C-alpha atoms as a PDB file:
ATOM      1  CA  MET A   1     -68.302 -44.132-129.571  1.00  0.00           C
ATOM      2  CA  LEU A   2     -69.246 -46.866-126.996  1.00  0.00           C
ATOM      3  CA  TYR A   3     -68.063 -46.158-123.433  1.00  0.00           C
ATOM      4  CA  SER A   4     -70.623 -47.559-121.388  1.00  0.00           C
ATOM      5  CA  SER A   5     -72.654 -50.044-123.746  1.00  0.00           C
ATOM      6  CA  GLN A   6     -73.887 -53.620-122.850  1.00  0.00           C
ATOM      7  CA  THR A   7     -71.019 -55.092-125.190  1.00  0.00           C
ATOM      8  CA  CYS A   8     -68.499 -52.797-123.526  1.00  0.00           C
ATOM      9  CA  SER A   9     -69.748 -53.953-120.091  1.00  0.00           C
ATOM     10  CA  GLN A  10     -69.479 -57.795-120.881  1.00  0.00           C
ATOM     11  CA  ILE A  11     -65.969 -57.213-122.073  1.00  0.00           C
ATOM     12  CA  LEU A  12     -65.026 -55.880-118.780  1.00  0.00           C
ATOM     13  CA  ASN A  13     -67.110 -58.153-116.592  1.00  0.00           C
ATOM     14  CA  GLU A  14     -65.531 -61.156-118.281  1.00  0.00           C
ATOM     15  CA  ALA A  15     -61.950 -59.805-117.853  1.00  0.00           C
ATOM     16  CA  HIS A  16     -62.798 -58.508-114.442  1.00  0.00           C
ATOM     17  CA  PRO A  17     -65.960 -59.868-112.589  1.00  0.00           C
ATOM     18  CA  SER A  18     -65.445 -57.191-110.078  1.00  0.00           C
ATOM     19  CA  TYR A  19     -66.206 -54.588-112.655  1.00  0.00           C
ATOM     20  CA  THR A  20     -68.863 -52.151-111.462  1.00  0.00           C
ATOM     21  CA  GLY A  21     -69.724 -50.502-114.881  1.00  0.00           C
ATOM     22  CA  LYS A  22     -68.553 -47.281-113.855  1.00  0.00           C
ATOM     23  CA  PRO A  23     -68.775 -45.195-117.014  1.00  0.00           C
ATOM     24  CA  LEU A  24     -65.176 -43.701-118.119  1.00  0.00           C
ATOM     25  CA  LYS A  25     -64.521 -40.389-119.801  1.00  0.00           C
ATOM     26  CA  ALA A  26     -64.136 -40.562-123.699  1.00  0.00           C
ATOM     27  CA  LEU A  27     -60.716 -41.909-124.609  1.00  0.00           C
ATOM     28  CA  PRO A  28     -59.826 -38.753-126.860  1.00  0.00           C
ATOM     29  CA  ASP A  29     -60.188 -36.954-123.546  1.00  0.00           C
ATOM     30  CA  LEU A  30     -58.091 -39.240-121.467  1.00  0.00           C
ATOM     31  CA  LEU A  31     -55.379 -39.169-123.898  1.00  0.00           C
ATOM     32  CA  ARG A  32     -55.597 -35.098-124.070  1.00  0.00           C
ATOM     33  CA  GLU A  33     -55.141 -35.273-120.206  1.00  0.00           C
ATOM     34  CA  TYR A  34     -51.833 -37.158-120.552  1.00  0.00           C
ATOM     35  CA  ASN A  35     -50.381 -34.685-123.309  1.00  0.00           C
ATOM     36  CA  LEU A  36     -51.288 -37.046-126.108  1.00  0.00           C
ATOM     37  CA  PRO A  37     -53.176 -36.475-129.355  1.00  0.00           C
ATOM     38  CA  PRO A  38     -56.763 -37.421-128.958  1.00  0.00           C
ATOM     39  CA  GLY A  39     -57.081 -39.054-132.419  1.00  0.00           C
ATOM     40  CA  LEU A  40     -54.227 -41.688-131.673  1.00  0.00           C
ATOM     41  CA  PHE A  41     -56.986 -44.171-131.626  1.00  0.00           C
ATOM     42  CA  PRO A  42     -59.912 -44.635-134.159  1.00  0.00           C
ATOM     43  CA  ARG A  43     -63.267 -43.563-133.614  1.00  0.00           C
ATOM     44  CA  ASN A  44     -64.825 -46.687-133.261  1.00  0.00           C
ATOM     45  CA  ILE A  45     -63.482 -48.062-130.277  1.00  0.00           C
ATOM     46  CA  THR A  46     -65.645 -50.543-128.262  1.00  0.00           C
ATOM     47  CA  CYS A  47     -64.523 -49.521-124.863  1.00  0.00           C
ATOM     48  CA  TYR A  48     -61.469 -49.185-122.704  1.00  0.00           C
ATOM     49  CA  GLU A  49     -60.137 -49.822-119.449  1.00  0.00           C
ATOM     50  CA  PHE A  50     -57.679 -47.663-117.451  1.00  0.00           C
ATOM     51  CA  ASP A  51     -55.891 -48.427-114.071  1.00  0.00           C
ATOM     52  CA  GLU A  52     -54.890 -45.169-113.121  1.00  0.00           C
ATOM     53  CA  SER A  53     -52.664 -46.138-110.186  1.00  0.00           C
ATOM     54  CA  ARG A  54     -50.171 -48.485-112.521  1.00  0.00           C
ATOM     55  CA  GLY A  55     -51.052 -46.619-115.881  1.00  0.00           C
ATOM     56  CA  LYS A  56     -52.088 -49.601-117.331  1.00  0.00           C
ATOM     57  CA  ILE A  57     -54.343 -49.302-120.478  1.00  0.00           C
ATOM     58  CA  ILE A  58     -56.416 -51.609-122.955  1.00  0.00           C
ATOM     59  CA  VAL A  59     -58.476 -50.164-125.694  1.00  0.00           C
ATOM     60  CA  TYR A  60     -61.176 -52.596-127.286  1.00  0.00           C
ATOM     61  CA  LEU A  61     -62.140 -52.687-131.012  1.00  0.00           C
ATOM     62  CA  PRO A  62     -64.710 -54.491-132.515  1.00  0.00           C
ATOM     63  CA  SER A  63     -62.291 -55.731-135.257  1.00  0.00           C
ATOM     64  CA  ALA A  64     -58.793 -55.697-136.435  1.00  0.00           C
ATOM     65  CA  CYS A  65     -58.593 -52.451-138.327  1.00  0.00           C
ATOM     66  CA  GLU A  66     -56.382 -49.679-139.761  1.00  0.00           C
ATOM     67  CA  VAL A  67     -56.584 -46.083-139.941  1.00  0.00           C
ATOM     68  CA  SER A  68     -55.052 -43.666-142.741  1.00  0.00           C
ATOM     69  CA  PHE A  69     -53.733 -40.273-141.127  1.00  0.00           C
ATOM     70  CA  LYS A  70     -53.800 -37.040-143.128  1.00  0.00           C
ATOM     71  CA  ASP A  71     -49.730 -37.255-143.053  1.00  0.00           C
ATOM     72  CA  SER A  72     -50.164 -40.296-145.214  1.00  0.00           C
ATOM     73  CA  SER A  73     -49.098 -42.746-142.359  1.00  0.00           C
ATOM     74  CA  ILE A  74     -51.128 -45.852-141.636  1.00  0.00           C
ATOM     75  CA  VAL A  75     -51.495 -47.301-138.294  1.00  0.00           C
ATOM     76  CA  ARG A  76     -53.089 -50.954-137.671  1.00  0.00           C
ATOM     77  CA  TYR A  77     -54.841 -52.179-134.474  1.00  0.00           C
ATOM     78  CA  ALA A  78     -55.666 -55.299-133.105  1.00  0.00           C
ATOM     79  CA  THR A  79     -58.862 -55.910-131.407  1.00  0.00           C
ATOM     80  CA  ARG A  80     -57.014 -55.230-128.208  1.00  0.00           C
ATOM     81  CA  VAL A  81     -54.139 -52.799-127.626  1.00  0.00           C
ATOM     82  CA  LYS A  82     -52.365 -52.862-124.342  1.00  0.00           C
ATOM     83  CA  GLY A  83     -49.683 -50.430-122.985  1.00  0.00           C
ATOM     84  CA  THR A  84     -48.596 -48.222-120.274  1.00  0.00           C
ATOM     85  CA  LEU A  85     -50.190 -44.578-120.321  1.00  0.00           C
ATOM     86  CA  SER A  86     -47.633 -41.619-118.650  1.00  0.00           C
ATOM     87  CA  ARG A  87     -47.556 -38.167-119.131  1.00  0.00           C
ATOM     88  CA  GLY A  88     -46.784 -37.678-122.719  1.00  0.00           C
ATOM     89  CA  LYS A  89     -45.942 -41.478-123.351  1.00  0.00           C
ATOM     90  CA  LEU A  90     -47.759 -44.689-124.367  1.00  0.00           C
ATOM     91  CA  THR A  91     -45.046 -47.375-123.648  1.00  0.00           C
ATOM     92  CA  GLY A  92     -45.065 -51.176-123.898  1.00  0.00           C
ATOM     93  CA  ILE A  93     -47.685 -51.322-126.768  1.00  0.00           C
ATOM     94  CA  GLU A  94     -48.849 -54.678-127.904  1.00  0.00           C
ATOM     95  CA  GLY A  95     -51.552 -54.575-130.670  1.00  0.00           C
ATOM     96  CA  MET A  96     -50.542 -51.582-132.846  1.00  0.00           C
ATOM     97  CA  LYS A  97     -48.527 -51.915-136.114  1.00  0.00           C
ATOM     98  CA  THR A  98     -47.496 -49.060-138.465  1.00  0.00           C
ATOM     99  CA  LYS A  99     -46.508 -49.375-142.005  1.00  0.00           C
ATOM    100  CA  VAL A 100     -43.022 -48.414-142.854  1.00  0.00           C
ATOM    101  CA  LEU A 101     -42.181 -50.504-146.376  1.00  0.00           C
ATOM    102  CA  VAL A 102     -43.612 -53.259-144.216  1.00  0.00           C
ATOM    103  CA  TRP A 103     -45.745 -53.585-141.050  1.00  0.00           C
ATOM    104  CA  VAL A 104     -43.741 -53.113-138.121  1.00  0.00           C
ATOM    105  CA  LYS A 105     -45.039 -53.417-134.199  1.00  0.00           C
ATOM    106  CA  VAL A 106     -45.036 -50.080-132.657  1.00  0.00           C
ATOM    107  CA  THR A 107     -43.911 -50.234-129.223  1.00  0.00           C
ATOM    108  CA  SER A 108     -44.147 -46.513-127.810  1.00  0.00           C
ATOM    109  CA  VAL A 109     -45.635 -43.254-128.874  1.00  0.00           C
ATOM    110  CA  ALA A 110     -44.367 -39.915-127.209  1.00  0.00           C
ATOM    111  CA  ILE A 111     -44.556 -36.118-127.457  1.00  0.00           C
ATOM    112  CA  GLU A 112     -41.288 -34.848-126.223  1.00  0.00           C
ATOM    113  CA  SER A 113     -42.849 -31.633-124.871  1.00  0.00           C
ATOM    114  CA  TYR A 114     -46.447 -29.956-124.451  1.00  0.00           C
ATOM    115  CA  LYS A 115     -45.529 -27.668-127.107  1.00  0.00           C
ATOM    116  CA  SER A 116     -44.017 -29.954-129.363  1.00  0.00           C
ATOM    117  CA  ASP A 117     -45.575 -30.216-132.947  1.00  0.00           C
ATOM    118  CA  LYS A 118     -44.277 -33.871-133.308  1.00  0.00           C
ATOM    119  CA  VAL A 119     -45.287 -37.393-132.319  1.00  0.00           C
ATOM    120  CA  TRP A 120     -42.495 -39.936-131.937  1.00  0.00           C
ATOM    121  CA  PHE A 121     -43.524 -43.543-132.991  1.00  0.00           C
ATOM    122  CA  THR A 122     -41.125 -46.247-132.003  1.00  0.00           C
ATOM    123  CA  ALA A 123     -41.426 -49.343-134.427  1.00  0.00           C
ATOM    124  CA  GLY A 124     -37.924 -50.928-134.852  1.00  0.00           C
ATOM    125  CA  VAL A 125     -36.795 -47.341-135.281  1.00  0.00           C
ATOM    126  CA  LYS A 126     -37.943 -43.898-133.753  1.00  0.00           C
ATOM    127  CA  LYS A 127     -39.780 -41.669-136.460  1.00  0.00           C
ATOM    128  CA  SER A 128     -41.459 -38.298-136.012  1.00  0.00           C
ATOM    129  CA  ARG A 129     -44.803 -37.430-137.401  1.00  0.00           C
ATOM    130  CA  PRO A 130     -46.835 -34.330-137.324  1.00  0.00           C
ATOM    131  CA  LYS A 131     -48.898 -34.275-134.146  1.00  0.00           C
ATOM    132  CA  ASP A 132     -51.619 -32.288-135.883  1.00  0.00           C
ATOM    133  CA  SER A 133     -52.244 -35.468-138.081  1.00  0.00           C
ATOM    134  CA  TYR A 134     -53.599 -37.340-134.797  1.00  0.00           C
ATOM    135  CA  GLU A 135     -55.768 -34.249-133.364  1.00  0.00           C
ATOM    136  CA  MET A 136     -58.938 -35.879-134.362  1.00  0.00           C
ATOM    137  CA  PRO A 137     -59.971 -39.555-134.089  1.00  0.00           C
ATOM    138  CA  ARG A 138     -60.956 -41.010-137.595  1.00  0.00           C
ATOM    139  CA  ASP A 139     -62.884 -43.644-138.880  1.00  0.00           C
ATOM    140  CA  ALA A 140     -61.158 -47.156-139.130  1.00  0.00           C
ATOM    141  CA  ILE A 141     -61.176 -49.443-141.980  1.00  0.00           C
ATOM    142  CA  LYS A 142     -61.969 -53.179-141.154  1.00  0.00           C
ATOM    143  CA  VAL A 143     -58.928 -55.618-142.070  1.00  0.00           C
ATOM    144  CA  GLU A 144     -59.165 -59.394-142.139  1.00  0.00           C
ATOM    145  CA  GLU A 145     -56.058 -59.747-139.883  1.00  0.00           C
ATOM    146  CA  PHE A 146     -53.701 -57.657-137.764  1.00  0.00           C
END
């Protein structure tokens, strides 16, 4: 995973000219700190930015892609996924879809408690999935369109 690569620095410098290039912790570690499964995003992210004071996170990926998880669920990611990160929740998501007969926009992902074994995806309806399916970041498959 690239967290301080030249590509990442270029992306962040273009988005924020005052970006200092300060290396961030690995995204799976950040998700774990917020009680979310570390494998919620694919292994091959380019980088991410996180405004801790506002909870705003943006994850950059090299291309639109999808991941098949061990519970047979599929999540598709745009080249940029935005949301608000708080304890046990990622809300206001833009750039993530899941397959429920058809592709549906994911608007939030939540864990009800630290001991919960379920991850709740809200994509039109609220649906639980086994938390252990999202414990390890997985490789993504490039797709032509988000």
